């Protein structure tokens, strides 16, 4: 069984930040933006808006971890859910799930999120990472194969499992670094968005003043 890579070695940094309860609204917006086919592949069934909202409401940020990639407009374009086993007999296992908006595909975000989740999982003592996917979900299975996971098909579903090596100083420092980069990136994007929102408000006010003057002078 092939083990996960020691660190994130790709020179191109994609800021991936951990998310908490304050991001629940953005997570819901992201998942509701998925089309019917994408929801089917992500959840394994044709999830309705209500089922998606229930899933988001039940996310346990104390027990599990959620990671996301934001664009410049602070839109959550890709996210991953790392769910840790609740079974005392399998407490060193975790499951990975991912979704990427259609407009953000083809950039390797799914694989990056898997790498991020794998490093965090091993640093938390997990030694076996699972992916449960529909056999037709080729994007997910490609991520698993690329990571070196072992795949087993059971009819319409495929299970992939990846053995994780023990945490090292390198893996812990790598996670601290990528999280720090992601947090800084998010703060900068938030500041830029606030600035442009402020300018948009100023323009709108000025336009309203001009229109008011025009009407009063007519």
C-alpha atoms as a PDB file:
ATOM      1  CA  UNK A   1       0.000   0.000   0.000  1.00  0.00           C
ATOM      2  CA  UNK A   2       1.434   3.343  -1.016  1.00  0.00           C
ATOM      3  CA  UNK A   3       1.868   6.007   1.640  1.00  0.00           C
ATOM      4  CA  UNK A   4       0.998   9.674   1.397  1.00  0.00           C
ATOM      5  CA  UNK A   5       3.756  12.131   0.393  1.00  0.00           C
ATOM      6  CA  UNK A   6       5.814  13.626   3.195  1.00  0.00           C
ATOM      7  CA  UNK A   7       5.023  17.244   2.331  1.00  0.00           C
ATOM      8  CA  UNK A   8       3.345  19.465  -0.225  1.00  0.00           C
ATOM      9  CA  UNK A   9       6.097  19.664  -2.852  1.00  0.00           C
ATOM     10  CA  UNK A  10       4.334  21.545  -5.656  1.00  0.00           C
ATOM     11  CA  UNK A  11       6.058  24.955  -5.977  1.00  0.00           C
ATOM     12  CA  UNK A  12       2.784  26.716  -6.854  1.00  0.00           C
ATOM     13  CA  UNK A  13       1.083  27.638  -3.575  1.00  0.00           C
ATOM     14  CA  UNK A  14      -2.716  27.435  -3.471  1.00  0.00           C
ATOM     15  CA  UNK A  15      -3.973  29.056  -0.242  1.00  0.00           C
ATOM     16  CA  UNK A  16      -6.198  26.523   1.524  1.00  0.00           C
ATOM     17  CA  UNK A  17      -7.556  27.633   4.867  1.00  0.00           C
ATOM     18  CA  UNK A  18      -9.294  25.732   7.604  1.00  0.00           C
ATOM     19  CA  UNK A  19     -12.880  26.836   8.219  1.00  0.00           C
ATOM     20  CA  UNK A  20     -15.079  27.048  11.280  1.00  0.00           C
ATOM     21  CA  UNK A  21     -18.713  27.764  12.172  1.00  0.00           C
ATOM     22  CA  UNK A  22     -18.438  31.364  10.942  1.00  0.00           C
ATOM     23  CA  UNK A  23     -17.994  30.018   7.405  1.00  0.00           C
ATOM     24  CA  UNK A  24     -21.156  27.910   7.491  1.00  0.00           C
ATOM     25  CA  UNK A  25     -23.036  30.401   5.298  1.00  0.00           C
ATOM     26  CA  UNK A  26     -20.342  30.365   2.608  1.00  0.00           C
ATOM     27  CA  UNK A  27     -20.242  26.559   2.728  1.00  0.00           C
ATOM     28  CA  UNK A  28     -24.000  26.406   2.193  1.00  0.00           C
ATOM     29  CA  UNK A  29     -23.810  28.859  -0.718  1.00  0.00           C
ATOM     30  CA  UNK A  30     -21.025  26.786  -2.287  1.00  0.00           C
ATOM     31  CA  UNK A  31     -22.875  23.484  -2.051  1.00  0.00           C
ATOM     32  CA  UNK A  32     -26.179  24.958  -3.209  1.00  0.00           C
ATOM     33  CA  UNK A  33     -24.327  26.268  -6.270  1.00  0.00           C
ATOM     34  CA  UNK A  34     -23.553  22.703  -7.356  1.00  0.00           C
ATOM     35  CA  UNK A  35     -25.759  21.454 -10.185  1.00  0.00           C
ATOM     36  CA  UNK A  36     -27.846  18.248  -9.899  1.00  0.00           C
ATOM     37  CA  UNK A  37     -25.138  16.019 -11.416  1.00  0.00           C
ATOM     38  CA  UNK A  38     -22.426  17.474  -9.176  1.00  0.00           C
ATOM     39  CA  UNK A  39     -24.585  17.029  -6.077  1.00  0.00           C
ATOM     40  CA  UNK A  40     -25.190  13.434  -7.069  1.00  0.00           C
ATOM     41  CA  UNK A  41     -21.464  12.758  -7.370  1.00  0.00           C
ATOM     42  CA  UNK A  42     -20.622  14.645  -4.153  1.00  0.00           C
ATOM     43  CA  UNK A  43     -23.273  13.088  -1.902  1.00  0.00           C
ATOM     44  CA  UNK A  44     -24.027   9.852  -3.740  1.00  0.00           C
ATOM     45  CA  UNK A  45     -27.658  10.818  -4.261  1.00  0.00           C
ATOM     46  CA  UNK A  46     -29.707  13.623  -5.792  1.00  0.00           C
ATOM     47  CA  UNK A  47     -29.502  15.966  -2.816  1.00  0.00           C
ATOM     48  CA  UNK A  48     -32.246  18.585  -2.643  1.00  0.00           C
ATOM     49  CA  UNK A  49     -31.668  22.107  -1.328  1.00  0.00           C
ATOM     50  CA  UNK A  50     -33.190  21.053   1.993  1.00  0.00           C
ATOM     51  CA  UNK A  51     -30.877  18.042   2.283  1.00  0.00           C
ATOM     52  CA  UNK A  52     -27.846  20.175   1.473  1.00  0.00           C
ATOM     53  CA  UNK A  53     -28.888  22.731   4.095  1.00  0.00           C
ATOM     54  CA  UNK A  54     -29.367  19.958   6.643  1.00  0.00           C
ATOM     55  CA  UNK A  55     -25.894  18.608   5.873  1.00  0.00           C
ATOM     56  CA  UNK A  56     -24.347  22.044   6.384  1.00  0.00           C
ATOM     57  CA  UNK A  57     -26.301  22.642   9.603  1.00  0.00           C
ATOM     58  CA  UNK A  58     -25.019  19.335  11.005  1.00  0.00           C
ATOM     59  CA  UNK A  59     -21.342  19.947  10.241  1.00  0.00           C
ATOM     60  CA  UNK A  60     -19.429  19.288  13.460  1.00  0.00           C
ATOM     61  CA  UNK A  61     -16.443  21.624  13.446  1.00  0.00           C
ATOM     62  CA  UNK A  62     -15.366  20.371  16.863  1.00  0.00           C
ATOM     63  CA  UNK A  63     -14.908  16.801  15.624  1.00  0.00           C
ATOM     64  CA  UNK A  64     -14.252  17.169  11.891  1.00  0.00           C
ATOM     65  CA  UNK A  65     -12.257  19.592   9.755  1.00  0.00           C
ATOM     66  CA  UNK A  66     -13.306  21.588   6.710  1.00  0.00           C
ATOM     67  CA  UNK A  67     -10.895  23.232   4.288  1.00  0.00           C
ATOM     68  CA  UNK A  68     -11.638  25.738   1.546  1.00  0.00           C
ATOM     69  CA  UNK A  69     -10.228  27.672  -1.380  1.00  0.00           C
ATOM     70  CA  UNK A  70     -11.533  31.210  -1.889  1.00  0.00           C
ATOM     71  CA  UNK A  71     -11.241  33.399  -4.969  1.00  0.00           C
ATOM     72  CA  UNK A  72     -10.590  37.145  -4.918  1.00  0.00           C
ATOM     73  CA  UNK A  73     -14.269  37.877  -4.374  1.00  0.00           C
ATOM     74  CA  UNK A  74     -14.231  35.657  -1.259  1.00  0.00           C
ATOM     75  CA  UNK A  75     -16.371  33.092  -3.056  1.00  0.00           C
ATOM     76  CA  UNK A  76     -15.777  29.559  -1.810  1.00  0.00           C
ATOM     77  CA  UNK A  77     -14.902  27.795  -5.068  1.00  0.00           C
ATOM     78  CA  UNK A  78     -13.662  24.492  -3.630  1.00  0.00           C
ATOM     79  CA  UNK A  79     -13.989  22.762  -0.277  1.00  0.00           C
ATOM     80  CA  UNK A  80     -13.163  19.511   1.446  1.00  0.00           C
ATOM     81  CA  UNK A  81     -14.684  17.780   4.463  1.00  0.00           C
ATOM     82  CA  UNK A  82     -12.383  15.579   6.532  1.00  0.00           C
ATOM     83  CA  UNK A  83     -14.633  13.445   8.730  1.00  0.00           C
ATOM     84  CA  UNK A  84     -12.979  11.546  11.566  1.00  0.00           C
ATOM     85  CA  UNK A  85     -14.341   8.152  12.556  1.00  0.00           C
ATOM     86  CA  UNK A  86     -16.730   8.068  15.509  1.00  0.00           C
ATOM     87  CA  UNK A  87     -16.160   4.331  15.947  1.00  0.00           C
ATOM     88  CA  UNK A  88     -13.889   3.641  18.957  1.00  0.00           C
ATOM     89  CA  UNK A  89     -12.638   0.545  17.136  1.00  0.00           C
ATOM     90  CA  UNK A  90     -11.536   2.629  14.156  1.00  0.00           C
ATOM     91  CA  UNK A  91     -10.535   5.907  15.755  1.00  0.00           C
ATOM     92  CA  UNK A  92      -7.448   6.262  13.560  1.00  0.00           C
ATOM     93  CA  UNK A  93      -9.469   6.494  10.364  1.00  0.00           C
ATOM     94  CA  UNK A  94     -10.951   9.447   8.496  1.00  0.00           C
ATOM     95  CA  UNK A  95     -12.976  10.008   5.329  1.00  0.00           C
ATOM     96  CA  UNK A  96     -12.364  12.663   2.670  1.00  0.00           C
ATOM     97  CA  UNK A  97     -15.016  14.384   0.560  1.00  0.00           C
ATOM     98  CA  UNK A  98     -14.547  17.259  -1.885  1.00  0.00           C
ATOM     99  CA  UNK A  99     -16.477  19.573  -4.191  1.00  0.00           C
ATOM    100  CA  UNK A 100     -15.283  22.129  -6.751  1.00  0.00           C
ATOM    101  CA  UNK A 101     -17.456  24.627  -8.602  1.00  0.00           C
ATOM    102  CA  UNK A 102     -17.634  23.987 -12.353  1.00  0.00           C
ATOM    103  CA  UNK A 103     -15.957  27.305 -13.194  1.00  0.00           C
ATOM    104  CA  UNK A 104     -12.944  26.446 -11.014  1.00  0.00           C
ATOM    105  CA  UNK A 105     -12.195  22.972 -12.361  1.00  0.00           C
ATOM    106  CA  UNK A 106      -9.123  21.916 -14.246  1.00  0.00           C
ATOM    107  CA  UNK A 107      -6.770  23.684 -11.828  1.00  0.00           C
ATOM    108  CA  UNK A 108      -5.963  20.743  -9.566  1.00  0.00           C
ATOM    109  CA  UNK A 109      -7.897  22.114  -6.591  1.00  0.00           C
ATOM    110  CA  UNK A 110      -9.326  18.710  -5.676  1.00  0.00           C
ATOM    111  CA  UNK A 111      -5.858  17.182  -5.442  1.00  0.00           C
ATOM    112  CA  UNK A 112      -4.557  20.144  -3.445  1.00  0.00           C
ATOM    113  CA  UNK A 113      -7.385  19.799  -0.972  1.00  0.00           C
ATOM    114  CA  UNK A 114      -6.654  16.092  -0.642  1.00  0.00           C
ATOM    115  CA  UNK A 115      -2.986  16.813   0.084  1.00  0.00           C
ATOM    116  CA  UNK A 116      -3.993  19.418   2.676  1.00  0.00           C
ATOM    117  CA  UNK A 117      -6.433  17.041   4.347  1.00  0.00           C
ATOM    118  CA  UNK A 118      -3.928  14.173   4.296  1.00  0.00           C
ATOM    119  CA  UNK A 119      -1.254  16.208   6.072  1.00  0.00           C
ATOM    120  CA  UNK A 120      -3.727  17.342   8.715  1.00  0.00           C
ATOM    121  CA  UNK A 121      -5.059  13.814   9.179  1.00  0.00           C
ATOM    122  CA  UNK A 122      -1.626  12.295   9.745  1.00  0.00           C
ATOM    123  CA  UNK A 123      -0.730  15.079  12.172  1.00  0.00           C
ATOM    124  CA  UNK A 124      -3.909  14.186  14.084  1.00  0.00           C
ATOM    125  CA  UNK A 125      -2.824  10.538  14.360  1.00  0.00           C
ATOM    126  CA  UNK A 126      -4.888   9.117  11.492  1.00  0.00           C
ATOM    127  CA  UNK A 127      -3.188   6.265   9.684  1.00  0.00           C
ATOM    128  CA  UNK A 128      -5.887   5.307   7.171  1.00  0.00           C
ATOM    129  CA  UNK A 129      -7.661   7.823   4.945  1.00  0.00           C
ATOM    130  CA  UNK A 130     -10.758   6.720   3.019  1.00  0.00           C
ATOM    131  CA  UNK A 131     -12.595   8.011  -0.017  1.00  0.00           C
ATOM    132  CA  UNK A 132     -16.048   6.609  -0.778  1.00  0.00           C
ATOM    133  CA  UNK A 133     -17.233   7.564  -4.241  1.00  0.00           C
ATOM    134  CA  UNK A 134     -19.558   6.473  -6.983  1.00  0.00           C
ATOM    135  CA  UNK A 135     -17.620   4.481  -9.558  1.00  0.00           C
ATOM    136  CA  UNK A 136     -18.659   7.023 -12.201  1.00  0.00           C
ATOM    137  CA  UNK A 137     -17.035   9.843 -10.244  1.00  0.00           C
ATOM    138  CA  UNK A 138     -13.855   9.813 -12.293  1.00  0.00           C
ATOM    139  CA  UNK A 139     -12.608  13.140 -10.930  1.00  0.00           C
ATOM    140  CA  UNK A 140     -12.611  11.824  -7.365  1.00  0.00           C
ATOM    141  CA  UNK A 141     -11.060   8.502  -8.352  1.00  0.00           C
ATOM    142  CA  UNK A 142      -8.348  10.342 -10.265  1.00  0.00           C
ATOM    143  CA  UNK A 143      -7.463  12.243  -7.096  1.00  0.00           C
ATOM    144  CA  UNK A 144      -7.220   8.971  -5.191  1.00  0.00           C
ATOM    145  CA  UNK A 145      -5.052   7.306  -7.843  1.00  0.00           C
ATOM    146  CA  UNK A 146      -2.772  10.327  -8.060  1.00  0.00           C
ATOM    147  CA  UNK A 147      -2.222  10.166  -4.297  1.00  0.00           C
ATOM    148  CA  UNK A 148      -1.319   6.477  -4.556  1.00  0.00           C
ATOM    149  CA  UNK A 149      -4.438   5.123  -2.868  1.00  0.00           C
ATOM    150  CA  UNK A 150      -5.612   1.544  -3.295  1.00  0.00           C
ATOM    151  CA  UNK A 151      -9.000   1.336  -5.039  1.00  0.00           C
ATOM    152  CA  UNK A 152     -11.615  -1.385  -4.671  1.00  0.00           C
ATOM    153  CA  UNK A 153     -14.849  -1.382  -6.647  1.00  0.00           C
ATOM    154  CA  UNK A 154     -18.121  -2.667  -5.203  1.00  0.00           C
ATOM    155  CA  UNK A 155     -20.738  -2.407  -7.929  1.00  0.00           C
ATOM    156  CA  UNK A 156     -21.733   1.234  -8.394  1.00  0.00           C
ATOM    157  CA  UNK A 157     -19.391   2.415  -5.623  1.00  0.00           C
ATOM    158  CA  UNK A 158     -15.624   2.499  -5.240  1.00  0.00           C
ATOM    159  CA  UNK A 159     -13.647   2.701  -2.019  1.00  0.00           C
ATOM    160  CA  UNK A 160     -10.134   4.103  -1.955  1.00  0.00           C
ATOM    161  CA  UNK A 161      -7.854   3.920   1.048  1.00  0.00           C
ATOM    162  CA  UNK A 162      -4.487   5.495   1.629  1.00  0.00           C
ATOM    163  CA  UNK A 163      -2.103   4.496   4.397  1.00  0.00           C
ATOM    164  CA  UNK A 164      -0.672   7.585   6.089  1.00  0.00           C
ATOM    165  CA  UNK A 165       2.792   7.560   7.676  1.00  0.00           C
ATOM    166  CA  UNK A 166       3.255   8.823  11.239  1.00  0.00           C
ATOM    167  CA  UNK A 167       3.507  12.565  11.769  1.00  0.00           C
ATOM    168  CA  UNK A 168       6.961  14.107  11.647  1.00  0.00           C
ATOM    169  CA  UNK A 169       8.403  17.509  12.436  1.00  0.00           C
ATOM    170  CA  UNK A 170       8.404  18.153   8.700  1.00  0.00           C
ATOM    171  CA  UNK A 171       4.698  17.334   8.320  1.00  0.00           C
ATOM    172  CA  UNK A 172       3.759  19.474  11.317  1.00  0.00           C
ATOM    173  CA  UNK A 173       5.821  22.449  10.129  1.00  0.00           C
ATOM    174  CA  UNK A 174       4.416  22.040   6.618  1.00  0.00           C
ATOM    175  CA  UNK A 175       0.860  22.263   7.928  1.00  0.00           C
ATOM    176  CA  UNK A 176       1.645  25.299  10.061  1.00  0.00           C
ATOM    177  CA  UNK A 177       3.185  27.030   7.056  1.00  0.00           C
ATOM    178  CA  UNK A 178       0.340  26.363   4.611  1.00  0.00           C
ATOM    179  CA  UNK A 179      -2.259  27.397   7.194  1.00  0.00           C
ATOM    180  CA  UNK A 180      -0.405  30.629   7.944  1.00  0.00           C
ATOM    181  CA  UNK A 181      -0.189  31.423   4.212  1.00  0.00           C
ATOM    182  CA  UNK A 182      -3.905  30.688   3.783  1.00  0.00           C
ATOM    183  CA  UNK A 183      -4.934  32.836   6.762  1.00  0.00           C
ATOM    184  CA  UNK A 184      -2.853  35.756   5.483  1.00  0.00           C
ATOM    185  CA  UNK A 185      -4.253  35.349   1.976  1.00  0.00           C
ATOM    186  CA  UNK A 186      -7.821  35.323   3.306  1.00  0.00           C
ATOM    187  CA  UNK A 187      -7.281  38.476   5.376  1.00  0.00           C
ATOM    188  CA  UNK A 188      -5.842  40.306   2.362  1.00  0.00           C
ATOM    189  CA  UNK A 189      -8.726  39.208   0.138  1.00  0.00           C
ATOM    190  CA  UNK A 190     -11.204  40.348   2.790  1.00  0.00           C
ATOM    191  CA  UNK A 191      -9.526  43.753   3.029  1.00  0.00           C
ATOM    192  CA  UNK A 192      -9.480  44.174  -0.749  1.00  0.00           C
ATOM    193  CA  UNK A 193     -13.129  43.149  -1.015  1.00  0.00           C
ATOM    194  CA  UNK A 194     -14.090  45.628   1.727  1.00  0.00           C
ATOM    195  CA  UNK A 195     -12.216  48.382  -0.116  1.00  0.00           C
ATOM    196  CA  UNK A 196     -13.975  47.687  -3.427  1.00  0.00           C
ATOM    197  CA  UNK A 197     -17.332  47.408  -1.671  1.00  0.00           C
ATOM    198  CA  UNK A 198     -16.658  50.819  -0.115  1.00  0.00           C
ATOM    199  CA  UNK A 199     -15.815  52.329  -3.506  1.00  0.00           C
ATOM    200  CA  UNK A 200     -18.935  50.802  -5.018  1.00  0.00           C
ATOM    201  CA  UNK A 201     -20.984  52.423  -2.250  1.00  0.00           C
ATOM    202  CA  UNK A 202     -19.327  55.806  -2.882  1.00  0.00           C
ATOM    203  CA  UNK A 203     -20.037  55.563  -6.613  1.00  0.00           C
ATOM    204  CA  UNK A 204     -23.651  54.640  -5.923  1.00  0.00           C
ATOM    205  CA  UNK A 205     -24.047  57.613  -3.575  1.00  0.00           C
ATOM    206  CA  UNK A 206     -22.485  59.993  -6.086  1.00  0.00           C
ATOM    207  CA  UNK A 207     -24.718  58.657  -8.831  1.00  0.00           C
ATOM    208  CA  UNK A 208     -27.747  59.208  -6.607  1.00  0.00           C
ATOM    209  CA  UNK A 209     -26.650  62.784  -5.912  1.00  0.00           C
ATOM    210  CA  UNK A 210     -26.184  63.475  -9.625  1.00  0.00           C
ATOM    211  CA  UNK A 211     -29.582  62.078 -10.464  1.00  0.00           C
ATOM    212  CA  UNK A 212     -31.151  64.137  -7.661  1.00  0.00           C
ATOM    213  CA  UNK A 213     -29.526  67.323  -8.951  1.00  0.00           C
ATOM    214  CA  UNK A 214     -30.622  66.531 -12.477  1.00  0.00           C
ATOM    215  CA  UNK A 215     -34.225  66.060 -11.415  1.00  0.00           C
ATOM    216  CA  UNK A 216     -34.257  69.192  -9.291  1.00  0.00           C
ATOM    217  CA  UNK A 217     -32.852  71.241 -12.155  1.00  0.00           C
ATOM    218  CA  UNK A 218     -35.248  69.911 -14.744  1.00  0.00           C
END
